[in-house]
């Protein structure tokens, strides 16, 4: 899995427990799709699955660092705002990941129309 250095605010806050929680989340997500987690390729993890794990980890780290979570204070600090961004990404990815994607067998769909060129 990628290292967690892309988010300047959260990169030093990711803990071993956050990563363990992410591992359990991915396993539960996999089971919810009817896929045994052992079937997910671990040498070449599918891109969207890797992105789901990274975003979930950042979401968890932000939640743990938020004053709203620690003290129950109402209002949005920087960590809570980050949590919301990552939570939205997690939900979007959960909706995009299919069984073939989890298994690494899903063909990438084209996001633009293709035109067949006939040669004479």
Protein backbone atom coordinates (compact mmCIF):
# COMPACT_ATOMS: atom_id res chain seq x y z
CA UNK A 1 0.00 0.00 0.00
CA UNK A 2 1.12 3.54 -0.67
CA UNK A 3 2.70 5.51 2.10
CA UNK A 4 0.51 8.12 3.74
CA UNK A 5 2.45 11.25 2.88
CA UNK A 6 0.08 13.02 0.51
CA UNK A 7 -2.02 14.86 3.08
CA UNK A 8 0.13 17.42 4.89
CA UNK A 9 -2.35 17.84 7.75
CA UNK A 10 -2.96 14.17 8.43
CA UNK A 11 0.17 12.30 7.38
CA UNK A 12 1.79 12.39 10.81
CA UNK A 13 -1.47 11.46 12.55
CA UNK A 14 -2.03 8.08 10.88
CA UNK A 15 -1.50 5.38 13.49
CA UNK A 16 -0.98 1.64 13.35
CA UNK A 17 -4.49 1.32 14.78
CA UNK A 18 -5.91 3.41 11.90
CA UNK A 19 -4.27 1.03 9.44
CA UNK A 20 -5.57 -2.00 11.35
CA UNK A 21 -9.08 -0.50 11.30
CA UNK A 22 -8.74 0.06 7.55
CA UNK A 23 -7.72 -3.56 7.05
CA UNK A 24 -10.85 -4.70 8.91
CA UNK A 25 -13.00 -2.25 6.93
CA UNK A 26 -11.69 -3.59 3.60
CA UNK A 27 -12.32 -7.16 4.76
CA UNK A 28 -15.90 -6.32 5.81
CA UNK A 29 -16.49 -4.44 2.57
CA UNK A 30 -15.18 -7.39 0.59
CA UNK A 31 -17.45 -9.82 2.44
CA UNK A 32 -20.42 -7.49 1.83
CA UNK A 33 -19.77 -7.90 -1.91
CA UNK A 34 -19.61 -11.68 -1.52
CA UNK A 35 -15.84 -11.84 -2.01
CA UNK A 36 -13.48 -13.63 0.34
CA UNK A 37 -10.82 -11.00 1.20
CA UNK A 38 -8.12 -13.59 0.52
CA UNK A 39 -9.11 -13.37 -3.17
CA UNK A 40 -8.17 -9.68 -3.44
CA UNK A 41 -4.79 -9.56 -5.16
CA UNK A 42 -2.16 -8.43 -2.67
CA UNK A 43 0.75 -7.97 -5.05
CA UNK A 44 -1.11 -5.67 -7.41
CA UNK A 45 -3.99 -4.31 -5.36
CA UNK A 46 -6.65 -2.90 -7.69
CA UNK A 47 -6.36 0.91 -7.89
CA UNK A 48 -9.84 1.70 -6.59
CA UNK A 49 -9.42 -0.70 -3.67
CA UNK A 50 -6.12 0.98 -2.80
CA UNK A 51 -7.78 4.40 -3.01
CA UNK A 52 -10.63 3.19 -0.78
CA UNK A 53 -8.11 2.05 1.83
CA UNK A 54 -6.14 5.30 1.71
CA UNK A 55 -9.23 7.49 1.95
CA UNK A 56 -10.68 5.40 4.78
CA UNK A 57 -7.40 5.65 6.69
CA UNK A 58 -7.27 9.43 6.30
CA UNK A 59 -10.95 9.71 7.26
CA UNK A 60 -10.28 7.72 10.44
CA UNK A 61 -7.18 9.76 11.31
CA UNK A 62 -9.11 13.01 10.80
CA UNK A 63 -11.99 11.77 12.93
CA UNK A 64 -9.64 10.83 15.75
CA UNK A 65 -7.89 14.22 15.63
CA UNK A 66 -11.04 16.34 15.45
CA UNK A 67 -11.96 18.42 18.48
CA UNK A 68 -15.57 17.51 17.77
CA UNK A 69 -14.68 13.87 18.36
CA UNK A 70 -12.39 14.47 21.34
CA UNK A 71 -14.43 16.97 23.30
CA UNK A 72 -17.86 16.88 21.70
CA UNK A 73 -17.55 20.54 20.73
CA UNK A 74 -19.98 21.61 18.05
CA UNK A 75 -18.45 23.18 14.97
CA UNK A 76 -16.09 22.14 12.25
CA UNK A 77 -12.36 22.32 12.81
CA UNK A 78 -9.87 21.55 10.02
CA UNK A 79 -9.86 17.86 10.91
CA UNK A 80 -13.64 17.61 10.76
CA UNK A 81 -13.65 19.31 7.36
CA UNK A 82 -11.03 16.81 6.15
CA UNK A 83 -13.07 13.93 7.59
CA UNK A 84 -16.09 15.02 5.58
CA UNK A 85 -14.05 15.20 2.36
CA UNK A 86 -12.58 11.74 2.88
CA UNK A 87 -15.93 10.28 3.98
CA UNK A 88 -17.48 11.47 0.70
CA UNK A 89 -14.63 9.86 -1.25
CA UNK A 90 -15.07 6.61 0.67
CA UNK A 91 -18.80 6.52 -0.11
CA UNK A 92 -18.19 7.26 -3.79
CA UNK A 93 -15.56 4.54 -4.07
CA UNK A 94 -17.77 2.01 -2.25
CA UNK A 95 -20.42 2.61 -4.91
CA UNK A 96 -17.91 2.26 -7.77
CA UNK A 97 -16.19 -0.92 -6.63
CA UNK A 98 -17.73 -4.06 -8.08
CA UNK A 99 -16.80 -7.70 -7.58
CA UNK A 100 -14.60 -7.73 -10.72
CA UNK A 101 -12.81 -4.61 -9.45
CA UNK A 102 -12.19 -6.25 -6.06
CA UNK A 103 -10.81 -9.32 -7.79
CA UNK A 104 -8.66 -7.27 -10.15
CA UNK A 105 -10.43 -8.71 -13.18
CA UNK A 106 -12.67 -5.77 -14.03
CA UNK A 107 -12.06 -4.21 -17.40
CA UNK A 108 -11.68 -0.49 -17.17
CA UNK A 109 -14.66 1.17 -18.74
CA UNK A 110 -14.07 3.98 -21.15
CA UNK A 111 -15.36 7.33 -19.95
CA UNK A 112 -15.70 8.57 -23.49
CA UNK A 113 -17.38 7.11 -26.57
CA UNK A 114 -15.27 5.05 -28.91
CA UNK A 115 -15.55 5.17 -32.67
CA UNK A 116 -14.85 2.19 -34.81
CA UNK A 117 -12.61 3.06 -37.74
CA UNK A 118 -13.01 0.98 -40.86
CA UNK A 119 -10.17 0.81 -43.32
CA UNK A 120 -10.66 0.15 -46.98
